[in-house]
Amino acid sequence: MADSKAIISEAEDKMNMAVMYLDEALAHIRAGKADVRLLDGIRVDSYGSMVPINNVAAVTTPDARSIAIKPWDKNMFRVIEKAIIDSELGIMPENNGEIIRIGIPPLTEERRKQLAKQCKGEGETAKVSVRNARRDAIDSLKKAVKDGMPEDEQKNGETKLQKIHDKFIKQIDELLAAKDKEIMTV
């Protein structure tokens, strides 16, 4: 027989994973501000293996509009530059022989609206994941009743699930509101 606490705990873990995924996805959306996480998806060839840029260089944000990359090995300059140019970042790096600079251009109004729409899509995906976790948990609770769990325990479990669901949906809305504000701030 399944335990209602275990079912609820599993659902809560799934909901938490959805929120963590959303947070990570929003971090990779360029909002006109420099963030070292923009480079997380870019891999470079270092001695035969593909590694993230921050494994072969010091990556910093000296100001709100630029990212500075200082490779530890001088041979990595061309490799890092090529990886950034070939990436979907859409920004041309500048190399002065010691540091590779990436200037983050200000966003146009049209691009801001596109990014806001992309964020809403990511948020909707996270909300669907949270709702699916709740639905699966409720189905598990209903099956547990057939296996001998008391009905009042099932009802209490569903009430708890709804409260947890509402908490995570609110978290998602807050993340989206913060990112929307960041994107729309000129």
Protein backbone atom coordinates (compact mmCIF):
# COMPACT_ATOMS: atom_id res chain seq x y z
CA MET A 1 0.00 0.00 0.00
CA ALA A 2 1.31 3.44 -0.96
CA ASP A 3 1.84 6.08 1.71
CA SER A 4 0.22 9.48 1.09
CA LYS A 5 3.26 11.31 2.48
CA ALA A 6 5.57 9.50 0.04
CA ILE A 7 3.26 10.32 -2.89
CA ILE A 8 3.05 14.00 -1.87
CA SER A 9 6.81 14.19 -1.30
CA GLU A 10 7.52 12.74 -4.76
CA ALA A 11 5.11 15.21 -6.37
CA GLU A 12 6.72 18.09 -4.49
CA ASP A 13 10.16 17.00 -5.73
CA LYS A 14 8.90 16.97 -9.33
CA MET A 15 7.36 20.44 -8.89
CA ASN A 16 10.59 21.75 -7.38
CA MET A 17 12.55 20.36 -10.36
CA ALA A 18 10.21 22.22 -12.74
CA VAL A 19 10.86 25.51 -10.93
CA MET A 20 14.62 24.88 -10.91
CA TYR A 21 14.52 24.13 -14.65
CA LEU A 22 12.61 27.37 -15.28
CA ASP A 23 15.12 29.37 -13.23
CA GLU A 24 17.97 27.89 -15.27
CA ALA A 25 16.17 28.46 -18.59
CA LEU A 26 15.44 32.11 -17.72
CA ALA A 27 19.10 32.67 -16.81
CA HIS A 28 20.11 31.78 -20.37
CA ILE A 29 17.76 34.34 -21.91
CA ARG A 30 19.75 37.49 -22.67
CA ALA A 31 17.99 40.45 -21.07
CA GLY A 32 20.39 43.23 -22.08
CA LYS A 33 22.48 42.74 -18.95
CA ALA A 34 25.78 40.88 -18.83
CA ASP A 35 25.59 37.52 -17.05
CA VAL A 36 28.31 34.85 -17.10
CA ARG A 37 25.60 32.18 -17.35
CA LEU A 38 24.99 33.31 -20.96
CA LEU A 39 28.13 31.37 -21.87
CA ASP A 40 27.16 28.14 -20.05
CA GLY A 41 25.94 26.40 -23.19
CA ILE A 42 29.03 27.21 -25.25
CA ARG A 43 31.66 24.45 -25.37
CA VAL A 44 35.27 24.72 -26.56
CA ASP A 45 37.76 22.05 -27.65
CA SER A 46 40.47 21.80 -24.99
CA TYR A 47 43.05 19.06 -25.56
CA GLY A 48 40.57 16.82 -27.36
CA SER A 49 37.53 17.20 -25.07
CA MET A 50 34.64 19.65 -25.26
CA VAL A 51 34.45 21.72 -22.07
CA PRO A 52 32.57 24.87 -20.96
CA ILE A 53 34.42 28.18 -21.42
CA ASN A 54 34.69 28.69 -17.64
CA ASN A 55 36.85 25.52 -17.46
CA VAL A 56 39.60 27.09 -19.64
CA ALA A 57 39.28 30.78 -18.72
CA ALA A 58 38.31 33.25 -16.03
CA VAL A 59 34.89 34.67 -16.93
CA THR A 60 33.82 37.93 -15.26
CA THR A 61 31.39 40.81 -15.73
CA PRO A 62 33.35 44.04 -15.21
CA ASP A 63 30.19 46.10 -15.78
CA ALA A 64 26.51 45.61 -16.63
CA ARG A 65 27.12 45.71 -20.38
CA SER A 66 30.13 43.43 -20.93
CA ILE A 67 31.62 40.02 -20.18
CA ALA A 68 35.40 39.60 -19.95
CA ILE A 69 37.03 36.24 -20.69
CA LYS A 70 40.68 35.78 -19.76
CA PRO A 71 41.97 32.40 -21.03
CA TRP A 72 44.53 30.64 -18.84
CA ASP A 73 46.30 29.32 -21.93
CA LYS A 74 47.17 31.78 -24.74
CA ASN A 75 46.45 29.04 -27.32
CA MET A 76 42.76 29.13 -26.34
CA PHE A 77 42.06 32.68 -27.67
CA ARG A 78 41.13 31.59 -31.22
CA VAL A 79 39.20 28.52 -30.02
CA ILE A 80 37.10 30.53 -27.54
CA GLU A 81 36.46 33.31 -30.08
CA LYS A 82 35.36 30.82 -32.74
CA ALA A 83 33.04 29.04 -30.27
CA ILE A 84 31.37 32.35 -29.33
CA ILE A 85 31.00 33.41 -32.97
CA ASP A 86 29.53 30.01 -33.92
CA SER A 87 27.12 30.00 -30.94
CA GLU A 88 23.55 31.26 -30.91
CA LEU A 89 24.56 34.22 -28.71
CA GLY A 90 24.67 36.48 -31.76
CA ILE A 91 27.40 38.77 -30.41
CA MET A 92 30.83 39.39 -31.93
CA PRO A 93 33.69 39.09 -29.38
CA GLU A 94 36.56 41.60 -29.27
CA ASN A 95 40.11 40.35 -28.62
CA ASN A 96 42.94 42.64 -27.46
CA GLY A 97 45.54 39.87 -27.01
CA GLU A 98 44.96 39.52 -23.26
CA ILE A 99 41.21 39.53 -22.77
CA ILE A 100 38.24 38.59 -24.95
CA ARG A 101 35.42 41.08 -24.40
CA ILE A 102 31.79 40.49 -25.25
CA GLY A 103 29.77 43.69 -25.35
CA ILE A 104 26.10 43.12 -24.58
CA PRO A 105 24.15 45.47 -26.87
CA PRO A 106 20.99 47.15 -25.59
CA LEU A 107 17.82 45.40 -26.72
CA THR A 108 15.40 46.85 -29.25
CA GLU A 109 11.73 47.12 -28.30
CA GLU A 110 10.84 44.34 -30.74
CA ARG A 111 13.53 42.04 -29.31
CA ARG A 112 12.31 42.78 -25.76
CA LYS A 113 8.80 41.67 -26.71
CA GLN A 114 10.21 38.51 -28.33
CA LEU A 115 12.18 37.66 -25.20
CA ALA A 116 9.19 38.34 -22.94
CA LYS A 117 7.14 35.97 -25.10
CA GLN A 118 9.92 33.34 -24.90
CA CYS A 119 9.95 33.69 -21.10
CA LYS A 120 6.18 33.23 -20.93
CA GLY A 121 6.54 30.06 -23.01
CA GLU A 122 9.17 28.69 -20.62
CA GLY A 123 6.93 29.61 -17.69
CA GLU A 124 3.96 27.83 -19.25
CA THR A 125 6.08 24.69 -19.72
CA ALA A 126 7.05 24.79 -16.04
CA LYS A 127 3.41 25.28 -14.98
CA VAL A 128 2.36 22.30 -17.10
CA SER A 129 5.04 20.19 -15.40
CA VAL A 130 3.78 21.26 -11.97
CA ARG A 131 0.19 20.46 -12.94
CA ASN A 132 1.24 17.06 -14.33
CA ALA A 133 3.04 16.24 -11.08
CA ARG A 134 -0.13 17.12 -9.13
CA ARG A 135 -2.33 15.05 -11.47
CA ASP A 136 -0.02 12.02 -11.24
CA ALA A 137 0.04 12.27 -7.45
CA ILE A 138 -3.77 12.50 -7.29
CA ASP A 139 -4.02 9.42 -9.54
CA SER A 140 -1.60 7.60 -7.22
CA LEU A 141 -3.70 8.58 -4.21
CA LYS A 142 -6.86 7.26 -5.91
CA LYS A 143 -5.11 3.96 -6.68
CA ALA A 144 -3.95 3.79 -3.05
CA VAL A 145 -7.57 4.07 -1.89
CA LYS A 146 -8.37 0.98 -3.97
CA ASP A 147 -5.44 -0.75 -2.25
CA GLY A 148 -6.79 0.05 1.21
CA MET A 149 -5.86 3.66 2.06
CA PRO A 150 -8.62 5.47 4.01
CA GLU A 151 -10.61 7.94 1.88
CA ASP A 152 -10.17 10.80 4.35
CA GLU A 153 -6.38 10.37 4.07
CA GLN A 154 -6.75 10.61 0.29
CA LYS A 155 -8.83 13.81 0.59
CA ASN A 156 -6.30 15.34 3.01
CA GLY A 157 -3.52 14.37 0.61
CA GLU A 158 -5.30 16.06 -2.29
CA THR A 159 -5.78 19.22 -0.21
CA LYS A 160 -2.07 19.26 0.69
CA LEU A 161 -1.16 18.68 -2.96
CA GLN A 162 -3.30 21.62 -4.02
CA LYS A 163 -1.58 23.91 -1.48
CA ILE A 164 1.87 22.75 -2.65
CA HIS A 165 0.78 23.19 -6.28
CA ASP A 166 -0.41 26.75 -5.59
CA LYS A 167 2.88 27.58 -3.84
CA PHE A 168 4.94 26.42 -6.83
CA ILE A 169 2.70 28.17 -9.38
CA LYS A 170 3.14 31.38 -7.35
CA GLN A 171 6.94 30.86 -7.40
CA ILE A 172 6.85 30.46 -11.19
CA ASP A 173 4.78 33.63 -11.56
CA GLU A 174 7.26 35.54 -9.37
CA LEU A 175 10.24 34.30 -11.42
CA LEU A 176 8.48 35.32 -14.64
CA ALA A 177 7.53 38.75 -13.27
CA ALA A 178 11.12 39.42 -12.19
CA LYS A 179 12.52 38.35 -15.58
CA ASP A 180 9.86 40.36 -17.46
CA LYS A 181 10.78 43.44 -15.42
CA GLU A 182 14.48 42.84 -16.16
CA ILE A 183 13.79 42.50 -19.90
CA MET A 184 11.49 45.51 -20.17
CA THR A 185 13.77 47.85 -18.16
CA VAL A 186 15.64 50.03 -20.60
